[in-house]
Amino acid sequence: MTAIKNIVLVHGGFVDGSGWQGVYDELTRDGLRVHIVQNPTRSLADDAAVTRRVLDGLDGPAVLAGHCYGGVVITEAGIHPNVASLVYIAAFVPDKGESVSILIAGSPVPSARPPVAGFLLLDRDKFAASFAADLPDQVSAFMADSQLPWGVDALGGPVTEPAWRHKPSWYLVAAQDRMIPPSAQRRMAERAEATVVEVIGSHAVHVSQPAAVADLIREAAA
């Protein structure tokens, strides 16, 4: 049984909300109302505003979950009164004034091409190895060819007031992640005093292991 019926899922960089399909299927089978945020990943302010609009339309409290850069978005937008708890899936967890750019300083985004017109893409030929190593070749190829350009301004957007300082948090560490090092994930989760679970999975763990991701979200909703 869960006390919270609304789940809001926020995608990260280079992908869109369709990657949550498996998690969506798992949670809706339980009767939960799942909302997918399609943030354009152009700037943190814009993406947080898009997320808040979804939260504004809810009829009760929600679990707000984010993957990758989506962790920055939920950290910024999660102080919304409809957010009861936060779930980070192989995600960045910035503190006040921090951005993705600050958190990855000295460690560039793996396999990223030089920015073009202010947007980043991953090298198609390196996408599977860096982002989706535990997915079938056909799936990772589709993800590589359907990338959503990630705005440099979004990477540089600083958090104004981190929601994890006000709301309980959960974190899923992807132990074979080659985008955000697992050691960095553990440090960020510890700083946020999050309840942590760890699974053997790539950065695309929400796609490859939707049941494990859904289990953690259910825990946060209980």
Protein backbone atom coordinates (compact mmCIF):
# COMPACT_ATOMS: atom_id res chain seq x y z
CA MET A 1 0.00 0.00 0.00
CA THR A 2 1.19 3.53 -0.74
CA ALA A 3 0.19 6.83 0.83
CA ILE A 4 1.20 8.82 -2.25
CA LYS A 5 -0.50 8.17 -5.59
CA ASN A 6 1.22 10.71 -7.87
CA ILE A 7 4.64 10.03 -9.35
CA VAL A 8 6.45 12.64 -11.47
CA LEU A 9 9.41 11.47 -13.56
CA VAL A 10 12.03 13.87 -14.96
CA HIS A 11 14.48 12.76 -17.67
CA GLY A 12 18.10 13.82 -17.97
CA GLY A 13 20.49 14.95 -20.67
CA PHE A 14 20.64 13.54 -24.21
CA VAL A 15 17.33 11.63 -23.87
CA ASP A 16 13.63 12.41 -23.50
CA GLY A 17 10.82 11.13 -21.33
CA SER A 18 10.20 8.00 -23.39
CA GLY A 19 13.05 6.31 -21.51
CA TRP A 20 10.72 6.06 -18.50
CA GLN A 21 8.34 3.69 -20.35
CA GLY A 22 9.34 0.58 -18.38
CA VAL A 23 9.16 2.39 -15.04
CA TYR A 24 5.81 3.87 -16.08
CA ASP A 25 4.46 0.40 -16.88
CA GLU A 26 5.64 -0.98 -13.54
CA LEU A 27 4.09 1.81 -11.48
CA THR A 28 0.80 2.19 -13.34
CA ARG A 29 0.14 -1.52 -12.84
CA ASP A 30 0.00 -0.67 -9.13
CA GLY A 31 -2.63 1.98 -9.76
CA LEU A 32 -0.23 4.90 -9.34
CA ARG A 33 -0.74 8.03 -11.45
CA VAL A 34 2.51 8.62 -13.30
CA HIS A 35 3.36 11.92 -15.00
CA ILE A 36 6.28 12.27 -17.42
CA VAL A 37 7.95 15.68 -17.65
CA GLN A 38 9.26 16.51 -21.14
CA ASN A 39 11.81 19.14 -20.21
CA PRO A 40 13.69 20.61 -23.21
CA THR A 41 17.06 20.65 -21.35
CA ARG A 42 17.88 24.15 -22.61
CA SER A 43 18.29 25.85 -19.24
CA LEU A 44 17.76 24.84 -15.63
CA ALA A 45 15.32 27.70 -15.04
CA ASP A 46 13.18 26.61 -17.99
CA ASP A 47 13.29 22.91 -17.08
CA ALA A 48 12.37 23.64 -13.47
CA ALA A 49 9.45 25.78 -14.67
CA VAL A 50 8.21 22.96 -16.93
CA THR A 51 8.39 20.57 -13.96
CA ARG A 52 6.56 22.99 -11.67
CA ARG A 53 3.72 23.26 -14.18
CA VAL A 54 3.23 19.49 -13.95
CA LEU A 55 3.32 19.67 -10.14
CA ASP A 56 0.82 22.54 -10.16
CA GLY A 57 -1.73 20.31 -11.86
CA LEU A 58 -1.65 17.48 -9.32
CA ASP A 59 -4.50 16.63 -6.96
CA GLY A 60 -2.26 15.63 -4.08
CA PRO A 61 1.30 14.93 -2.94
CA ALA A 62 3.84 13.36 -5.27
CA VAL A 63 7.14 11.57 -5.43
CA LEU A 64 9.44 13.55 -7.73
CA ALA A 65 12.11 11.40 -9.41
CA GLY A 66 14.94 12.41 -11.73
CA HIS A 67 17.61 10.66 -13.77
CA CYS A 68 21.03 12.16 -14.57
CA TYR A 69 20.57 15.95 -15.09
CA GLY A 70 16.97 15.38 -14.01
CA GLY A 71 18.42 15.23 -10.50
CA VAL A 72 19.38 18.89 -10.82
CA VAL A 73 15.88 19.73 -12.04
CA ILE A 74 14.16 17.97 -9.14
CA THR A 75 16.59 19.58 -6.70
CA GLU A 76 15.56 23.01 -8.00
CA ALA A 77 11.83 22.32 -8.49
CA GLY A 78 11.34 19.97 -5.56
CA ILE A 79 10.61 22.63 -2.98
CA HIS A 80 7.15 22.81 -4.60
CA PRO A 81 4.48 22.15 -1.93
CA ASN A 82 3.11 19.12 -3.80
CA VAL A 83 6.45 17.28 -3.55
CA ALA A 84 6.58 14.87 -0.62
CA SER A 85 9.82 13.06 -1.43
CA LEU A 86 12.64 12.93 -3.96
CA VAL A 87 14.19 9.99 -5.81
CA TYR A 88 17.51 10.29 -7.62
CA ILE A 89 18.32 7.67 -10.26
CA ALA A 90 22.04 7.73 -11.17
CA ALA A 91 21.62 11.48 -10.91
CA PHE A 92 23.38 14.68 -9.97
CA VAL A 93 22.50 16.04 -6.52
CA PRO A 94 23.76 19.62 -6.38
CA ASP A 95 23.86 21.83 -3.32
CA LYS A 96 23.01 25.54 -3.27
CA GLY A 97 24.92 27.39 -5.97
CA GLU A 98 26.14 24.20 -7.64
CA SER A 99 25.51 23.17 -11.23
CA VAL A 100 26.39 20.18 -13.40
CA SER A 101 29.38 22.14 -14.67
CA ILE A 102 30.67 22.59 -11.12
CA LEU A 103 30.04 18.96 -10.18
CA ILE A 104 31.92 17.64 -13.22
CA ALA A 105 34.73 20.21 -13.14
CA GLY A 106 37.89 18.48 -14.34
CA SER A 107 35.90 15.50 -15.63
CA PRO A 108 34.24 16.37 -18.96
CA VAL A 109 31.08 14.57 -20.05
CA PRO A 110 32.35 11.24 -21.46
CA SER A 111 32.02 10.83 -25.25
CA ALA A 112 30.58 14.33 -25.67
CA ARG A 113 31.32 16.14 -28.90
CA PRO A 114 32.35 19.81 -28.76
CA PRO A 115 29.25 21.98 -28.34
CA VAL A 116 27.57 23.29 -31.48
CA ALA A 117 25.40 26.43 -31.21
CA GLY A 118 25.33 25.96 -27.44
CA PHE A 119 24.25 22.31 -27.39
CA LEU A 120 25.99 19.03 -26.64
CA LEU A 121 25.53 15.59 -28.20
CA LEU A 122 27.29 12.32 -27.47
CA ASP A 123 29.40 10.66 -30.15
CA ARG A 124 27.06 8.14 -31.76
CA ASP A 125 29.74 5.45 -32.00
CA LYS A 126 30.57 5.79 -28.29
CA PHE A 127 27.02 6.20 -27.00
CA ALA A 128 26.39 2.55 -26.15
CA ALA A 129 29.62 2.06 -24.22
CA SER A 130 29.32 5.25 -22.18
CA PHE A 131 25.55 5.59 -21.66
CA ALA A 132 23.78 2.28 -22.27
CA ALA A 133 26.25 -0.61 -22.03
CA ASP A 134 23.70 -3.05 -20.61
CA LEU A 135 21.03 -2.50 -23.28
CA PRO A 136 20.57 -4.47 -26.52
CA ASP A 137 22.50 -3.03 -29.45
CA GLN A 138 19.31 -2.09 -31.29
CA VAL A 139 17.99 -0.16 -28.30
CA SER A 140 21.21 1.73 -27.63
CA ALA A 141 21.53 2.54 -31.35
CA PHE A 142 18.03 4.02 -31.35
CA MET A 143 18.83 6.10 -28.26
CA ALA A 144 22.02 7.35 -29.91
CA ASP A 145 20.17 8.35 -33.07
CA SER A 146 17.30 10.03 -31.21
CA GLN A 147 19.39 12.14 -28.83
CA LEU A 148 17.94 15.34 -27.41
CA PRO A 149 20.65 18.04 -27.58
CA TRP A 150 21.65 19.12 -24.07
CA GLY A 151 22.04 22.87 -23.67
CA VAL A 152 25.29 24.18 -22.26
CA ASP A 153 23.21 26.73 -20.34
CA ALA A 154 21.43 23.85 -18.60
CA LEU A 155 24.75 22.41 -17.46
CA GLY A 156 25.73 25.80 -16.06
CA GLY A 157 22.48 26.54 -14.23
CA PRO A 158 23.05 26.82 -10.45
CA VAL A 159 20.54 25.53 -7.90
CA THR A 160 18.98 28.26 -5.79
CA GLU A 161 17.57 26.23 -2.87
CA PRO A 162 18.18 22.45 -2.83
CA ALA A 163 14.97 20.55 -2.16
CA TRP A 164 16.82 17.65 -0.54
CA ARG A 165 17.55 19.91 2.41
CA HIS A 166 13.80 20.05 3.05
CA LYS A 167 12.38 16.74 1.73
CA PRO A 168 13.34 13.08 2.36
CA SER A 169 15.42 11.60 -0.44
CA TRP A 170 16.23 8.22 -1.96
CA TYR A 171 19.10 7.40 -4.34
CA LEU A 172 19.74 4.53 -6.74
CA VAL A 173 23.44 4.09 -7.55
CA ALA A 174 24.22 2.48 -10.91
CA ALA A 175 27.39 0.57 -10.12
CA GLN A 176 28.55 0.30 -13.76
CA ASP A 177 27.76 3.89 -14.74
CA ARG A 178 30.33 5.42 -17.12
CA MET A 179 28.71 8.86 -17.28
CA ILE A 180 28.52 9.76 -13.58
CA PRO A 181 31.13 7.74 -11.66
CA PRO A 182 29.51 5.51 -9.01
CA SER A 183 31.90 6.95 -6.42
CA ALA A 184 30.54 10.43 -7.18
CA GLN A 185 26.97 9.14 -6.95
CA ARG A 186 27.67 7.68 -3.52
CA ARG A 187 29.24 10.94 -2.29
CA MET A 188 26.29 13.03 -3.46
CA ALA A 189 23.78 10.60 -1.95
CA GLU A 190 25.63 10.61 1.36
CA ARG A 191 25.74 14.41 1.46
CA ALA A 192 21.97 14.51 0.89
CA GLU A 193 21.47 11.88 3.63
CA ALA A 194 19.49 9.85 1.10
CA THR A 195 18.35 6.28 1.55
CA VAL A 196 20.59 4.43 -0.90
CA VAL A 197 20.24 1.25 -2.94
CA GLU A 198 22.80 0.04 -5.43
CA VAL A 199 22.27 -2.07 -8.54
CA ILE A 200 24.57 -3.43 -11.23
CA GLY A 201 23.64 -1.28 -14.19
CA SER A 202 24.71 1.34 -16.71
CA HIS A 203 23.80 5.01 -16.73
CA ALA A 204 20.59 3.98 -18.51
CA VAL A 205 19.58 1.87 -15.52
CA HIS A 206 16.03 3.28 -15.63
CA VAL A 207 15.69 1.67 -19.06
CA SER A 208 17.56 -1.58 -18.39
CA GLN A 209 16.21 -2.24 -14.88
CA PRO A 210 12.83 -0.53 -14.58
CA ALA A 211 11.65 -2.91 -11.85
CA ALA A 212 14.50 -1.91 -9.52
CA VAL A 213 13.85 1.77 -10.19
CA ALA A 214 10.11 1.33 -9.62
CA ASP A 215 10.76 -0.49 -6.34
CA LEU A 216 12.70 2.46 -4.97
CA ILE A 217 10.01 4.91 -6.08
CA ARG A 218 7.37 2.76 -4.37
CA GLU A 219 9.44 2.90 -1.20
CA ALA A 220 9.54 6.67 -1.38
CA ALA A 221 5.76 6.72 -1.89
CA ALA A 222 4.98 4.46 1.04
